[in-house]
N, C-alpha and C. Protein backbone atom coordinates (compact mmCIF):
# COMPACT_ATOMS: atom_id res chain seq x y z
N MET A 1 80.20 166.74 115.04
CA MET A 1 79.74 167.31 116.62
C MET A 1 79.87 166.99 117.35
N SER A 2 80.01 166.12 118.44
CA SER A 2 79.68 165.17 120.18
C SER A 2 78.78 166.05 120.28
N ASN A 3 77.52 165.38 121.33
CA ASN A 3 76.35 165.78 122.21
C ASN A 3 77.17 167.43 123.10
N LYS A 4 77.99 167.09 123.67
CA LYS A 4 78.55 167.74 124.31
C LYS A 4 78.91 169.56 124.23
N SER A 5 79.80 169.02 123.04
CA SER A 5 79.99 170.27 122.53
C SER A 5 78.76 170.83 121.78
N ALA A 6 77.88 170.13 120.94
CA ALA A 6 76.88 171.01 120.63
C ALA A 6 75.89 172.11 121.41
N GLY A 7 76.08 171.16 122.97
CA GLY A 7 75.12 172.10 123.48
C GLY A 7 75.81 172.74 123.95
N SER A 8 76.91 172.49 124.27
CA SER A 8 78.56 173.92 124.80
C SER A 8 77.97 174.79 123.68
N PHE A 9 77.93 174.73 122.50
CA PHE A 9 78.55 175.74 121.55
C PHE A 9 76.24 176.85 121.84
N ILE A 10 75.44 176.08 121.75
CA ILE A 10 73.94 176.87 121.75
C ILE A 10 74.06 177.47 123.12
N GLY A 11 74.41 176.77 123.70
CA GLY A 11 74.07 177.65 125.18
C GLY A 11 75.77 179.24 124.84
N GLY A 12 75.92 178.66 124.13
CA GLY A 12 77.57 179.89 124.10
C GLY A 12 77.17 180.85 123.11
N LEU A 13 76.34 180.28 122.41
CA LEU A 13 75.65 181.08 121.00
C LEU A 13 73.82 182.04 121.41
N LEU A 14 73.84 181.17 122.16
CA LEU A 14 72.32 182.17 122.69
C LEU A 14 73.14 183.30 123.61
N LEU A 15 73.91 182.83 124.68
CA LEU A 15 74.58 183.78 126.05
C LEU A 15 75.07 184.98 125.38
N GLY A 16 76.18 184.73 123.72
CA GLY A 16 76.53 185.87 123.13
C GLY A 16 75.66 186.81 122.45
N SER A 17 74.44 186.07 121.91
CA SER A 17 73.46 186.87 121.32
C SER A 17 73.33 187.74 122.73
N ALA A 18 72.82 187.71 123.88
CA ALA A 18 71.85 188.54 125.08
C ALA A 18 73.02 189.45 124.67
N LEU A 19 74.15 188.75 125.37
CA LEU A 19 74.99 189.95 125.69
C LEU A 19 75.86 190.97 124.41
N GLY A 20 75.57 190.72 122.76
CA GLY A 20 76.20 191.42 121.98
C GLY A 20 74.67 191.99 121.71
N THR A 21 73.55 191.81 122.03
CA THR A 21 72.59 193.12 121.74
C THR A 21 72.08 194.20 122.80
N ILE A 22 72.27 193.79 124.42
CA ILE A 22 72.77 194.44 125.46
C ILE A 22 73.24 195.47 124.69
N THR A 23 75.49 195.10 125.12
CA THR A 23 76.15 195.87 124.61
C THR A 23 75.80 196.68 123.30
N GLY A 24 75.38 196.05 122.44
CA GLY A 24 74.44 197.25 121.01
C GLY A 24 73.96 198.43 121.42
N LEU A 25 72.76 197.75 122.59
CA LEU A 25 71.82 198.97 122.60
C LEU A 25 72.46 200.23 123.41
N LEU A 26 73.56 199.75 123.78
CA LEU A 26 73.58 201.04 125.25
C LEU A 26 75.37 201.64 124.60
N ILE A 27 76.15 201.56 123.57
CA ILE A 27 76.72 202.40 122.32
C ILE A 27 75.98 202.99 121.05
N ALA A 28 74.04 202.06 121.09
CA ALA A 28 74.16 202.45 119.81
C ALA A 28 73.84 204.39 120.23
N PRO A 29 74.08 204.96 118.86
CA PRO A 29 73.11 206.27 119.12
C PRO A 29 72.08 206.30 119.20
N ARG A 30 71.45 205.97 119.70
CA ARG A 30 70.03 206.56 120.15
C ARG A 30 69.88 207.52 121.54
N THR A 31 68.26 208.08 121.76
CA THR A 31 68.66 208.85 123.06
C THR A 31 68.32 207.62 123.76
N GLY A 32 68.39 208.42 124.81
CA GLY A 32 67.96 207.71 126.07
C GLY A 32 66.49 206.76 126.30
N ARG A 33 65.62 208.37 125.83
CA ARG A 33 64.15 207.60 126.14
C ARG A 33 64.24 206.50 125.13
N ASP A 34 64.74 206.12 123.77
CA ASP A 34 64.50 205.54 122.87
C ASP A 34 65.29 203.72 123.80
N THR A 35 66.45 203.83 123.75
CA THR A 35 67.65 203.13 124.59
C THR A 35 66.83 202.22 125.47
N ARG A 36 66.19 202.62 126.61
CA ARG A 36 65.22 202.53 127.87
C ARG A 36 64.19 201.65 127.47
N GLN A 37 63.74 202.22 126.18
CA GLN A 37 62.37 201.26 125.78
C GLN A 37 62.63 199.99 124.88
N LEU A 38 63.70 200.28 124.22
CA LEU A 38 64.17 198.76 123.74
C LEU A 38 64.91 197.98 125.03
N LEU A 39 65.60 198.14 126.03
CA LEU A 39 66.25 197.73 126.85
C LEU A 39 64.85 196.54 127.71
N LYS A 40 63.78 198.10 127.64
CA LYS A 40 62.43 196.81 128.57
C LYS A 40 61.92 196.11 127.41
N LYS A 41 62.06 196.60 125.89
CA LYS A 41 61.28 195.37 125.35
C LYS A 41 62.60 193.90 125.46
N SER A 42 63.56 193.90 125.88
CA SER A 42 64.55 193.10 125.69
C SER A 42 64.57 192.53 127.21
N ALA A 43 64.37 193.61 128.14
CA ALA A 43 64.07 192.69 129.06
C ALA A 43 62.68 191.91 129.79
N ASP A 44 61.91 192.28 128.97
CA ASP A 44 60.67 191.76 128.63
C ASP A 44 60.36 189.78 128.00
N ALA A 45 61.45 189.92 126.78
CA ALA A 45 61.65 189.03 126.34
C ALA A 45 62.76 188.03 127.03
N LEU A 46 63.25 188.88 127.93
CA LEU A 46 63.76 187.82 128.91
C LEU A 46 63.72 186.17 129.65
N PRO A 47 62.72 186.29 129.68
CA PRO A 47 62.28 185.08 130.43
C PRO A 47 61.53 183.54 129.34
N GLU A 48 61.41 184.58 127.92
CA GLU A 48 61.31 183.55 126.96
C GLU A 48 62.33 182.61 126.66
N LEU A 49 63.76 184.01 127.07
CA LEU A 49 64.68 183.36 126.07
C LEU A 49 65.69 182.36 127.30
N ALA A 50 65.40 182.94 128.62
CA ALA A 50 66.13 182.15 129.28
C ALA A 50 65.16 181.03 129.72
N GLU A 51 63.09 180.48 129.52
CA GLU A 51 62.42 179.59 128.83
C GLU A 51 63.35 178.75 128.13
N ASP A 52 63.58 179.20 126.51
CA ASP A 52 64.20 178.30 125.86
C ASP A 52 65.73 178.10 126.14
N LEU A 53 66.28 178.76 126.45
CA LEU A 53 68.22 177.99 126.61
C LEU A 53 67.61 177.40 127.81
N SER A 54 66.42 176.88 128.80
CA SER A 54 66.40 175.39 129.50
C SER A 54 66.06 174.57 128.89
N THR A 55 64.59 175.28 127.68
CA THR A 55 64.45 173.61 127.13
C THR A 55 65.45 173.19 126.23
N THR A 56 66.46 173.94 126.19
CA THR A 56 67.74 173.45 124.84
C THR A 56 68.39 172.53 125.56
N LEU A 57 68.47 173.02 126.60
CA LEU A 57 69.39 172.44 127.96
C LEU A 57 68.96 170.96 128.27
N GLN A 58 67.23 170.76 128.20
CA GLN A 58 67.15 169.63 128.49
C GLN A 58 67.12 168.20 127.89
N LEU A 59 66.90 168.90 126.28
CA LEU A 59 66.98 168.32 125.43
C LEU A 59 68.72 167.43 125.35
N GLN A 60 69.28 168.43 125.45
CA GLN A 60 70.97 167.94 125.22
C GLN A 60 71.51 166.98 126.37
N THR A 61 70.78 167.19 127.38
CA THR A 61 70.81 166.46 128.46
C THR A 61 70.57 165.46 128.54
N ASP A 62 69.47 165.43 127.68
CA ASP A 62 68.27 163.99 126.97
C ASP A 62 68.78 162.89 126.53
N ARG A 63 69.30 163.73 125.16
CA ARG A 63 70.02 162.79 124.82
C ARG A 63 71.75 162.13 124.62
N LEU A 64 72.11 163.39 125.95
CA LEU A 64 73.18 162.80 126.53
C LEU A 64 73.16 161.62 127.26
N SER A 65 71.84 161.09 127.92
CA SER A 65 71.89 160.25 129.05
C SER A 65 71.63 158.83 128.25
N GLU A 66 70.46 159.35 127.27
CA GLU A 66 70.98 158.54 126.35
C GLU A 66 71.35 157.76 125.78
N SER A 67 72.65 158.21 125.01
CA SER A 67 73.93 158.30 124.57
C SER A 67 74.67 157.40 125.81
N ALA A 68 74.45 158.04 126.52
CA ALA A 68 75.64 157.47 128.17
C ALA A 68 74.68 155.99 127.85
N LEU A 69 73.36 155.77 127.99
CA LEU A 69 72.66 153.74 127.90
C LEU A 69 73.06 153.55 127.31
N ARG A 70 73.39 154.22 125.74
CA ARG A 70 73.25 153.01 124.99
C ARG A 70 75.22 152.91 125.10
N ASN A 71 76.24 153.03 125.27
CA ASN A 71 77.15 152.79 125.25
C ASN A 71 77.23 152.06 126.99
N TRP A 72 76.57 152.36 127.82
CA TRP A 72 77.16 151.40 129.14
C TRP A 72 76.35 150.40 128.69
N ASP A 73 75.26 150.35 127.72
CA ASP A 73 74.83 148.91 127.47
C ASP A 73 75.79 148.03 126.76
N GLY A 74 76.54 148.99 125.83
CA GLY A 74 77.34 147.91 124.47
C GLY A 74 78.64 147.21 125.31
N THR A 75 79.50 148.37 126.86
CA THR A 75 80.14 148.22 127.15
C THR A 75 79.56 146.76 128.39
N LEU A 76 78.95 146.81 128.31
CA LEU A 76 78.18 145.57 129.49
C LEU A 76 78.07 144.18 128.81
N THR A 77 77.50 144.30 127.45
CA THR A 77 77.44 143.02 126.77
C THR A 77 78.93 142.84 126.40
N ARG A 78 79.97 143.90 125.53
CA ARG A 78 80.97 143.01 125.48
C ARG A 78 82.27 142.18 126.68
N LEU A 79 81.43 142.91 127.79
CA LEU A 79 82.44 142.56 128.84
C LEU A 79 81.55 141.37 129.08
N ARG A 80 80.13 140.74 129.06
CA ARG A 80 79.76 139.73 129.52
C ARG A 80 79.96 138.69 128.62
N GLU A 81 80.75 138.73 126.84
CA GLU A 81 80.93 138.11 126.03
C GLU A 81 82.45 138.03 126.24
N ALA A 82 83.34 138.63 126.97
CA ALA A 82 84.78 139.05 127.11
C ALA A 82 84.86 137.90 128.35
N ILE A 83 83.86 138.24 129.95
CA ILE A 83 83.98 137.34 130.45
C ILE A 83 83.51 135.63 130.42
N ALA A 84 82.53 135.57 129.03
CA ALA A 84 81.62 134.06 128.71
C ALA A 84 83.24 133.38 128.18
N ALA A 85 83.83 134.01 127.40
CA ALA A 85 85.13 133.61 126.34
C ALA A 85 86.17 132.86 127.59
N GLY A 86 86.08 134.03 128.70
CA GLY A 86 87.54 133.54 129.47
C GLY A 86 87.39 132.68 130.62
N LEU A 87 85.65 131.73 130.51
CA LEU A 87 85.45 130.80 131.39
C LEU A 87 85.62 129.70 130.56
N GLU A 88 85.26 129.80 129.01
CA GLU A 88 85.40 128.71 128.01
C GLU A 88 86.36 128.36 127.60
N ALA A 89 87.84 129.16 127.93
CA ALA A 89 89.11 129.04 127.97
C ALA A 89 89.73 128.21 128.97
N SER A 90 89.02 129.02 130.07
CA SER A 90 89.86 128.37 131.69
C SER A 90 89.30 126.98 131.55
N GLY A 91 87.66 126.91 130.87
CA GLY A 91 87.22 125.71 131.28
C GLY A 91 88.06 124.19 130.34
N LYS A 92 88.65 124.91 128.49
CA LYS A 92 89.20 123.58 128.04
C LYS A 92 90.41 123.00 128.92
N ALA A 93 91.40 124.59 129.13
CA ALA A 93 92.86 124.52 130.03
C ALA A 93 92.62 123.42 131.25
N SER A 94 91.24 123.72 131.61
CA SER A 94 91.40 122.47 132.93
C SER A 94 91.34 121.04 132.43
N VAL A 95 90.82 121.36 131.21
CA VAL A 95 90.26 120.07 130.66
C VAL A 95 91.55 118.95 130.22
N GLU A 96 91.62 120.10 129.67
CA GLU A 96 93.37 119.73 129.49
C GLU A 96 94.32 119.04 130.44
N LEU A 97 94.39 119.73 131.09
CA LEU A 97 95.28 119.78 132.20
C LEU A 97 95.33 118.48 133.27
N GLN A 98 93.98 117.64 133.40
CA GLN A 98 93.23 116.85 134.25
C GLN A 98 93.23 115.38 133.67
N GLN A 99 93.29 115.67 131.85
CA GLN A 99 93.62 114.24 130.85
C GLN A 99 95.37 113.63 131.93
N PRO A 100 95.80 113.00 131.55
CA PRO A 100 96.98 111.88 131.79
C PRO A 100 97.43 111.94 130.84
N GLU A 101 98.93 111.99 130.81
CA GLU A 101 99.80 111.51 129.71
C GLU A 101 99.39 110.56 129.20
N PRO A 102 99.82 110.20 127.82
CA PRO A 102 100.07 109.43 127.08
C PRO A 102 101.54 108.67 128.33
N GLU A 103 102.10 107.70 128.13
CA GLU A 103 103.07 106.70 128.88
C GLU A 103 103.83 106.61 127.83
N VAL A 104 105.25 106.93 128.17
CA VAL A 104 106.18 106.17 126.80
C VAL A 104 107.10 104.65 127.20
N SER A 105 107.20 104.54 126.28
CA SER A 105 106.86 102.34 126.57
C SER A 105 108.55 102.44 126.98
N SER A 106 109.14 101.75 128.07
CA SER A 106 110.51 101.50 127.83
C SER A 106 111.23 100.73 126.61
N LYS A 107 109.86 100.12 125.73
CA LYS A 107 111.24 99.67 124.36
C LYS A 107 111.66 100.80 123.53
N SER A 108 110.63 101.90 123.39
CA SER A 108 110.75 103.24 122.64
C SER A 108 112.15 103.57 123.14
N THR A 109 111.91 103.68 124.79
CA THR A 109 113.00 104.65 124.92
C THR A 109 114.70 104.05 124.92
N SER A 110 115.05 103.00 124.90
CA SER A 110 115.72 101.87 124.86
C SER A 110 116.62 102.31 123.58
N SER A 111 115.45 102.09 122.66
CA SER A 111 115.69 101.73 121.26
C SER A 111 116.68 103.46 120.70
N VAL A 112 116.01 104.28 121.53
CA VAL A 112 116.29 105.55 121.43
C VAL A 112 117.82 105.94 122.22
N SER A 113 117.95 105.35 123.47
CA SER A 113 119.23 105.33 123.81
C SER A 113 120.03 104.51 123.02
N GLU A 114 119.92 104.02 122.55
CA GLU A 114 120.50 102.77 121.38
C GLU A 114 121.53 103.63 120.22
N HIS A 115 120.47 104.35 119.51
CA HIS A 115 120.86 105.34 118.48
C HIS A 115 121.59 106.31 118.25
N LYS A 116 121.14 106.64 119.87
CA LYS A 116 122.11 108.42 120.00
C LYS A 116 123.53 107.17 120.90
N LEU A 117 123.88 106.00 120.95
CA LEU A 117 125.44 105.50 121.11
C LEU A 117 125.95 105.21 120.67
């Protein structure tokens, strides 16, 4: 599972748990007083839940940042290697183009012409 989908999963899990708890409390066969007390306890726990969610999201963000930096460093390394290889190949081709072609002597050219006839 990728870091992004893991963070989304955890966030969805926490949100779903909170919504499920609230829904369960509202439709549970309890007296109004019991339900209100239970809702008060849940509301009191909400800041802690929000803090846990915030911490989880921060950890996921840090992991994604580190992963992005590693990927970026790898990409830059490969790009530098590709540029160096391109410069090397370009230099070799330039040297080859600057070398004069060997001249063909007229003697060998005339003997080739005579054989063709």
